[in-house]
Protein backbone atom coordinates (compact mmCIF):
# COMPACT_ATOMS: atom_id res chain seq x y z
CA MET A 1 8.77 24.01 34.76
CA GLU A 2 7.62 27.61 34.61
CA ASP A 3 10.01 28.54 37.57
CA SER A 4 12.86 26.93 35.72
CA SER A 5 12.22 28.92 32.64
CA LYS A 6 12.02 32.05 34.52
CA LEU A 7 15.20 31.24 36.30
CA LYS A 8 16.99 30.67 32.98
CA VAL A 9 15.76 34.02 31.64
CA GLU A 10 17.01 35.80 34.77
CA LEU A 11 20.39 34.00 34.63
CA GLU A 12 20.80 34.97 30.96
CA ARG A 13 19.92 38.65 31.79
CA THR A 14 22.39 38.63 34.66
CA LYS A 15 25.08 37.12 32.35
CA ILE A 16 24.53 39.97 29.83
CA GLU A 17 24.55 42.63 32.46
CA LEU A 18 27.72 41.41 33.99
CA LYS A 19 29.34 41.24 30.43
CA ILE A 20 28.30 44.86 29.81
CA LEU A 21 29.68 46.16 33.10
CA TYR A 22 32.92 44.14 32.65
CA GLU A 23 33.51 45.63 29.20
CA ILE A 24 32.77 49.19 30.28
CA SER A 25 34.95 48.75 33.51
CA ASN A 26 37.87 47.28 31.33
CA ALA A 27 37.61 50.27 28.84
CA MET A 28 37.80 52.76 31.72
CA ARG A 29 40.98 51.14 32.83
CA THR A 30 42.73 51.82 29.49
CA THR A 31 43.18 55.59 30.00
CA LEU A 32 43.63 58.25 32.60
CA LYS A 33 42.54 61.10 30.34
CA LEU A 34 39.38 62.70 31.65
CA ASP A 35 37.73 63.30 28.39
CA GLU A 36 38.21 59.74 27.28
CA ILE A 37 36.96 58.41 30.61
CA LEU A 38 33.72 60.53 30.32
CA TYR A 39 33.23 59.33 26.62
CA ILE A 40 33.70 55.61 27.67
CA ILE A 41 31.16 56.09 30.55
CA LEU A 42 28.53 57.77 28.34
CA THR A 43 29.14 55.29 25.51
CA GLY A 44 28.49 52.54 28.00
CA VAL A 45 25.17 54.25 28.92
CA THR A 46 24.03 54.85 25.31
CA ALA A 47 25.48 52.00 23.25
CA HIS A 48 23.15 49.32 21.88
CA THR A 49 25.67 46.82 23.32
CA GLY A 50 25.63 48.78 26.55
CA LEU A 51 22.81 50.09 28.63
CA GLY A 52 20.96 51.21 25.54
CA PHE A 53 19.67 54.75 26.60
CA ASN A 54 18.93 57.14 23.70
CA ARG A 55 20.87 59.98 25.22
CA ALA A 56 23.13 60.69 28.30
CA ILE A 57 24.91 63.66 29.85
CA LEU A 58 27.68 63.64 32.37
CA PHE A 59 27.92 66.56 34.97
CA LEU A 60 30.88 66.90 37.42
CA VAL A 61 30.72 68.64 40.73
CA ASN A 62 32.98 71.78 41.15
CA GLU A 63 33.08 72.02 44.99
CA LYS A 64 35.41 75.11 44.86
CA GLU A 65 32.88 77.19 43.03
CA GLN A 66 29.79 75.30 44.38
CA LEU A 67 28.67 74.46 40.86
CA ILE A 68 27.47 71.40 38.85
CA GLU A 69 28.98 71.75 35.36
CA GLY A 70 28.06 70.03 32.19
CA LYS A 71 31.16 68.20 30.82
CA MET A 72 29.97 65.84 28.03
CA GLY A 73 26.74 64.89 26.24
CA ILE A 74 26.18 61.92 23.80
CA GLY A 75 23.05 61.43 21.80
CA PRO A 76 21.21 62.49 18.68
CA GLU A 77 19.48 65.89 18.47
CA ASN A 78 16.41 64.38 16.77
CA GLY A 79 14.85 61.21 15.28
CA GLU A 80 16.38 61.66 11.87
CA GLU A 81 19.94 61.99 13.38
CA ALA A 82 19.27 59.01 15.61
CA ASN A 83 18.21 56.76 12.66
CA ILE A 84 21.35 57.74 10.69
CA ALA A 85 23.62 56.94 13.64
CA TRP A 86 21.82 53.69 14.57
CA THR A 87 21.70 52.51 11.00
CA ARG A 88 25.55 53.00 10.62
CA ILE A 89 26.20 51.28 13.86
CA GLU A 90 24.07 48.31 12.76
CA GLU A 91 25.47 48.13 9.24
CA GLU A 92 29.14 48.30 10.49
CA LYS A 93 28.37 46.01 13.37
CA MET A 94 30.13 48.30 15.79
CA ASP A 95 30.53 47.11 19.30
CA LEU A 96 31.59 48.99 22.46
CA GLU A 97 35.21 48.92 21.62
CA ASP A 98 34.59 50.19 18.08
CA LEU A 99 32.58 53.10 19.36
CA ILE A 100 35.22 54.03 21.93
CA ASN A 101 38.04 53.92 19.17
CA ALA A 102 35.91 56.18 17.01
CA PHE A 103 36.02 58.85 19.58
CA LYS A 104 39.86 58.54 19.84
CA ASN A 105 40.23 59.09 16.17
CA SER A 106 37.70 61.92 15.67
CA ASP A 107 36.52 65.20 17.39
CA ALA A 108 32.90 64.72 16.07
CA VAL A 109 31.46 64.02 19.47
CA LEU A 110 33.02 67.05 21.10
CA GLU A 111 31.86 69.22 18.13
CA SER A 112 28.21 68.06 18.07
CA GLY A 113 25.54 70.63 18.80
CA PHE A 114 24.15 68.64 21.69
CA ASN A 115 27.57 68.44 23.38
CA ARG A 116 28.12 72.20 22.90
CA GLN A 117 24.78 72.90 24.58
CA VAL A 118 25.89 70.61 27.53
CA ARG A 119 29.20 72.18 28.05
CA HIS A 120 27.40 75.52 28.59
CA LEU A 121 25.28 74.22 31.40
CA LYS A 122 26.25 75.39 34.97
CA VAL A 123 23.92 75.18 37.87
CA SER A 124 24.19 75.93 41.53
CA LEU A 125 25.09 73.06 43.76
CA LEU A 126 23.04 74.41 46.67
CA ASP A 127 19.67 75.11 45.09
CA LYS A 128 17.95 71.65 45.44
CA SER A 129 14.52 73.15 45.52
CA GLU A 130 14.75 74.38 41.90
CA ASN A 131 17.35 72.00 40.59
CA PRO A 132 17.03 68.22 40.43
CA LEU A 133 20.92 67.89 39.84
CA SER A 134 21.56 69.52 43.14
CA LEU A 135 19.09 67.29 44.79
CA ALA A 136 20.74 64.18 43.36
CA VAL A 137 24.19 65.41 44.48
CA LEU A 138 23.19 66.56 48.06
CA GLU A 139 21.00 63.46 48.76
CA GLY A 140 23.37 61.03 47.00
CA LEU A 141 20.37 59.02 45.57
CA PRO A 142 19.04 58.24 42.13
CA LEU A 143 16.17 60.37 40.87
CA HIS A 144 13.61 59.07 38.39
CA LEU A 145 11.60 61.95 37.16
CA THR A 146 8.26 61.67 35.31
CA GLY A 147 5.06 63.73 35.09
CA GLN A 148 4.48 65.90 38.15
CA ALA A 149 8.12 65.63 39.31
CA LEU A 150 9.41 66.95 35.92
CA LEU A 151 6.78 69.74 36.09
CA LYS A 152 8.15 70.77 39.49
CA TYR A 153 11.63 71.34 37.92
CA ARG A 154 10.33 72.76 34.64
CA ASN A 155 12.52 75.91 35.08
CA SER A 156 15.74 73.97 35.44
CA PRO A 157 18.05 74.60 32.45
CA VAL A 158 18.60 70.81 32.12
CA ILE A 159 14.94 70.01 31.90
CA LYS A 160 14.48 72.77 29.36
CA ILE A 161 17.25 71.48 27.06
CA LEU A 162 16.22 67.85 27.23
CA GLU A 163 12.48 68.35 26.97
CA SER A 164 12.01 64.70 27.82
CA PRO A 165 8.96 63.15 29.42
CA GLU A 166 11.11 60.85 31.60
CA LEU A 167 14.61 61.36 33.01
CA LEU A 168 16.98 59.29 35.16
CA LEU A 169 19.60 61.03 37.38
CA ILE A 170 22.24 58.89 38.93
CA PRO A 171 24.89 60.31 41.19
CA LEU A 172 28.57 59.11 40.70
CA LYS A 173 30.46 58.43 43.94
CA ALA A 174 34.06 57.99 45.00
CA LYS A 175 34.71 57.25 48.69
CA ASP A 176 31.17 58.24 49.68
CA ARG A 177 31.56 61.67 48.00
CA VAL A 178 29.39 62.54 45.03
CA ASN A 179 31.63 63.85 42.20
CA GLY A 180 29.25 63.83 39.34
CA ILE A 181 25.89 62.91 37.88
CA ILE A 182 24.77 60.97 34.87
CA VAL A 183 21.40 62.06 33.32
CA ALA A 184 19.84 59.64 30.76
CA ASP A 185 16.59 59.38 28.80
CA ASN A 186 14.89 57.68 25.96
CA PHE A 187 13.47 60.64 24.18
CA ILE A 188 13.44 59.00 20.72
CA THR A 189 12.17 55.50 21.39
CA ASN A 190 10.09 56.43 24.45
CA ASP A 191 11.00 53.23 25.98
CA PRO A 192 9.93 53.30 29.74
CA ILE A 193 12.83 53.46 32.32
CA THR A 194 12.66 50.26 34.32
CA LYS A 195 13.93 49.18 37.75
CA ASP A 196 16.61 47.12 36.00
CA ASP A 197 17.77 50.18 34.08
CA ILE A 198 18.11 52.07 37.36
CA ARG A 199 19.94 49.23 38.99
CA MET A 200 22.30 48.82 36.05
CA LEU A 201 23.06 52.49 35.79
CA THR A 202 23.69 52.76 39.42
CA MET A 203 26.21 49.83 39.23
CA LEU A 204 27.93 51.57 36.35
CA ALA A 205 27.93 54.89 38.19
CA ASN A 206 29.76 53.30 41.12
CA GLN A 207 32.64 52.27 38.91
CA ALA A 208 32.51 55.54 36.97
CA GLY A 209 32.83 57.77 40.04
CA LEU A 210 36.17 56.08 41.01
CA ALA A 211 37.50 56.19 37.45
CA ILE A 212 36.75 59.94 37.31
CA GLU A 213 38.48 60.63 40.74
CA ASN A 214 41.55 58.66 39.48
CA SER A 215 41.67 60.64 36.30
CA GLN A 216 41.21 64.06 38.12
CA LEU A 217 44.04 63.09 40.56
CA PHE A 218 46.28 62.10 37.59
CA GLU A 219 45.53 65.38 35.79
CA LEU A 220 46.35 67.42 38.91
CA THR A 221 49.70 65.61 39.24
CA VAL A 222 50.47 66.24 35.60
CA GLU A 223 49.46 70.01 35.98
CA ARG A 224 51.76 70.35 39.11
CA ALA A 225 54.65 68.55 37.29
CA HIS A 226 54.40 70.85 34.22
CA SER A 227 53.51 74.18 35.74
CA ASP A 228 55.86 77.11 36.27
CA TYR A 229 56.43 77.51 39.99
CA LEU A 230 55.87 81.34 40.05
CA THR A 231 53.10 81.89 37.62
CA ASN A 232 51.22 78.61 37.61
CA LEU A 233 51.27 78.74 33.71
CA TRP A 234 52.63 75.82 31.72
CA ASN A 235 56.42 75.70 31.83
CA HIS A 236 58.89 75.87 29.03
CA GLY A 237 59.37 72.08 28.66
CA TYR A 238 55.55 71.51 28.52
CA PHE A 239 55.12 74.30 26.04
CA GLN A 240 57.35 72.46 23.62
CA LEU A 241 55.07 69.35 24.00
CA LEU A 242 51.87 71.34 23.70
CA LEU A 243 53.07 73.07 20.56
CA GLN A 244 54.02 69.81 18.92
CA THR A 245 50.71 68.25 19.92
CA GLU A 246 48.55 71.21 18.67
CA LEU A 247 50.60 71.35 15.35
CA GLU A 248 49.75 67.65 14.79
CA LYS A 249 46.14 68.30 15.32
CA ALA A 250 46.19 71.33 12.94
CA LYS A 251 47.85 69.22 10.25
CA ALA A 252 45.25 66.44 10.67
CA THR A 253 42.34 68.93 10.46
CA LYS A 254 43.98 71.26 7.98
CA SER A 255 43.41 74.26 10.18
CA PRO A 256 45.68 77.19 10.97
CA LEU A 257 47.59 77.56 14.29
CA THR A 258 49.22 80.73 15.61
CA LEU A 259 52.10 81.14 18.04
CA MET A 260 52.31 84.32 19.91
CA MET A 261 55.29 85.51 21.97
CA ILE A 262 54.95 88.29 24.59
CA ASP A 263 57.82 90.14 26.23
CA ILE A 264 57.74 92.78 28.92
CA ASP A 265 59.31 95.98 27.72
CA ASP A 266 62.31 97.36 29.80
CA PHE A 267 61.79 94.73 32.58
CA LYS A 268 65.41 94.87 33.61
CA ILE A 269 65.02 98.55 34.66
CA TYR A 270 62.10 97.65 36.90
CA ASN A 271 63.94 94.63 38.43
CA ASP A 272 67.20 96.55 38.96
CA THR A 273 65.35 99.61 40.70
CA LEU A 274 62.88 97.60 42.91
CA GLY A 275 64.33 94.15 43.20
CA HIS A 276 63.32 90.68 42.14
CA GLN A 277 60.46 90.22 44.60
CA ALA A 278 58.60 93.25 43.05
CA GLY A 279 59.37 91.81 39.62
CA ASP A 280 57.93 88.47 40.58
CA LYS A 281 54.73 90.24 41.64
CA ILE A 282 54.59 91.73 38.14
CA LEU A 283 55.11 88.33 36.47
CA LYS A 284 52.31 86.88 38.49
CA ASP A 285 49.91 89.68 37.81
CA LEU A 286 50.72 89.59 34.04
CA ALA A 287 50.38 85.74 34.00
CA ARG A 288 46.82 86.05 35.52
CA LEU A 289 46.01 88.74 32.99
CA LEU A 290 47.13 86.68 30.05
CA ARG A 291 45.12 83.63 31.28
CA ASP A 292 41.98 85.67 31.87
CA GLN A 293 42.22 87.35 28.47
CA SER A 294 42.80 84.15 26.58
CA ARG A 295 40.16 81.75 25.11
CA LYS A 296 39.44 78.44 26.64
CA MET A 297 41.11 76.60 23.76
CA ASP A 298 44.35 78.66 23.91
CA GLN A 299 47.54 77.47 25.76
CA VAL A 300 49.27 80.19 27.86
CA CYS A 301 52.91 79.23 28.87
CA ARG A 302 55.92 80.93 30.55
CA TYR A 303 58.63 80.73 28.02
CA GLY A 304 61.34 82.04 30.40
CA GLY A 305 62.21 85.16 32.29
CA GLU A 306 59.76 87.88 31.33
CA GLU A 307 58.74 86.16 28.13
CA PHE A 308 55.42 84.28 27.61
CA THR A 309 53.92 82.25 24.77
CA ILE A 310 50.38 81.65 23.75
CA ILE A 311 49.42 78.80 21.38
CA LEU A 312 46.18 79.66 19.46
CA PRO A 313 44.58 76.71 17.68
CA HIS A 314 42.18 77.23 14.76
CA THR A 315 43.45 80.86 14.51
CA ASP A 316 44.80 82.56 11.37
CA LYS A 317 47.18 85.50 11.40
CA LYS A 318 44.50 88.13 10.93
CA GLU A 319 42.49 86.94 13.91
CA ALA A 320 45.62 86.40 16.02
CA PHE A 321 46.70 89.92 15.31
CA LEU A 322 43.39 91.40 16.62
CA ILE A 323 43.68 89.08 19.72
CA ALA A 324 47.28 90.21 20.31
CA GLU A 325 46.40 93.97 19.99
CA ARG A 326 43.52 93.52 22.50
CA ILE A 327 45.84 91.73 24.94
CA ARG A 328 48.54 94.42 24.40
CA MET A 329 46.08 97.33 25.17
CA ASP A 330 44.57 95.49 28.16
CA ILE A 331 48.05 95.17 29.62
CA GLN A 332 48.84 98.77 28.88
CA ARG A 333 45.65 99.82 30.78
CA TYR A 334 46.23 97.53 33.79
CA PRO A 335 47.43 99.33 36.96
CA PHE A 336 50.61 97.24 37.80
CA LEU A 337 52.43 97.94 41.06
CA ASN A 338 54.87 100.79 40.84
CA GLU A 339 54.69 100.87 37.01
CA GLU A 340 55.83 104.47 37.04
CA ILE A 341 59.38 103.03 37.26
CA PHE A 342 59.20 102.09 33.58
CA PRO A 343 60.42 104.67 31.05
CA ASN A 344 56.94 105.40 29.74
CA LYS A 345 55.50 105.41 33.25
CA GLN A 346 53.53 102.27 32.56
CA LEU A 347 54.09 98.59 31.89
CA THR A 348 53.91 97.68 28.16
CA VAL A 349 54.68 94.53 26.20
CA SER A 350 55.92 93.73 22.70
CA LEU A 351 54.38 90.80 20.78
CA GLY A 352 55.53 88.52 17.93
CA ILE A 353 53.33 86.33 15.79
CA SER A 354 53.74 83.42 13.32
CA THR A 355 51.15 81.13 11.84
CA PHE A 356 51.08 77.48 10.63
CA PRO A 357 51.24 76.50 7.76
CA LYS A 358 52.11 79.80 6.09
CA ASP A 359 55.24 80.64 8.22
CA GLY A 360 56.46 77.08 8.89
CA LEU A 361 55.46 73.52 9.25
CA LEU A 362 57.61 72.58 12.25
CA ALA A 363 57.55 73.69 15.84
CA ALA A 364 61.15 74.92 15.73
CA GLU A 365 60.44 76.92 12.58
CA LEU A 366 57.44 78.63 14.19
CA ILE A 367 59.40 79.43 17.43
CA THR A 368 62.31 80.96 15.38
CA ILE A 369 60.09 83.03 13.17
CA THR A 370 57.89 84.24 16.19
CA ASP A 371 61.14 85.15 18.06
CA LYS A 372 62.32 87.18 15.05
CA ALA A 373 58.95 88.91 14.98
CA LEU A 374 59.14 89.83 18.63
CA TYR A 375 62.64 91.23 17.99
CA GLN A 376 61.14 93.31 15.13
CA ALA A 377 58.44 94.60 17.52
CA LYS A 378 61.16 95.76 19.93
CA ASN A 379 63.07 97.39 17.17
CA GLN A 380 60.14 99.40 16.09
CA GLY A 381 59.68 101.12 19.34
CA LYS A 382 58.28 98.49 21.65
CA ASN A 383 54.56 98.34 22.73
CA ASN A 384 53.49 96.95 19.47
CA THR A 385 52.68 93.69 17.64
CA TYR A 386 54.67 92.39 14.71
CA CYS A 387 53.62 89.54 12.50
CA GLY A 388 56.26 87.10 11.08
């Protein structure tokens, strides 16, 4: 009789586990966007209707730069925040689908203090003696860290940030290649991490690794389809889509957005003197400089010919003007090839600026006003910034 009861309990637990994995797996199939995939995975790890960990972080492996990079973290920063979140979930009877939809309708998770900390984490892929993340990637095996093991890695930035007495690190795999790691803990409830927890998270990780690889391949395809062949910046068509998308976000969050246009002064003289191959080299160098000088949230595009645009979210005109002037002076100082061909013996640019909502509410309006501002910058002697 006792064996029968034990078997019933085990069958019920297996049924619940399979339901959890099925729901998470189904959710991952609803999107190819990487940030949504990462959120679904971490929600599955932390949700009360999922694996139920208090907190989880997802790292991705950057093989090109030999780094392991923090991409997203979900969890409260303290007990008070945990109680508020868990009470709301309980009162609203939120299931896994509700939690996932909440992410799609809000940037709250991405803007949390914990997530911002996570996104700054970058550790070497090669240093497994000092870094448990590297060990998990290179060995391809789960790591359950407690007591002395945590003490051994106490200088690791991940251990320092989490300050947890017990951690679980599970590698994510796609075709026998580790492409990420999930780190999970129970720093609020202090529930011990069991063998069942490790088994379940490992099963989830196996699905997650493939979902991430599919998303990365999709994003690479999109990037290639919408990139300018010469500069690798976003092309004109994709610029139009990006501007419309960022405008919708700005309207929803009631935040400013600035459009900047940049045009090389007297570029025809350079092209006519040295030919288009030399001109192409200039365009490539300038594109790289613009990308390097822009913030991560900005979108740098090739508008056409020698003209470029930058979309600056959450940026008012005053701030955009300072950014534009910094870019203009950096370009003026940069040693471009054979720039003595230009009338002023150096390559310079003119810039035009317009800002939502002050200068226009529609994408077409902003483009027109920015273009007119650029024309004014040219009329005022070039090598300057004019605000629409």
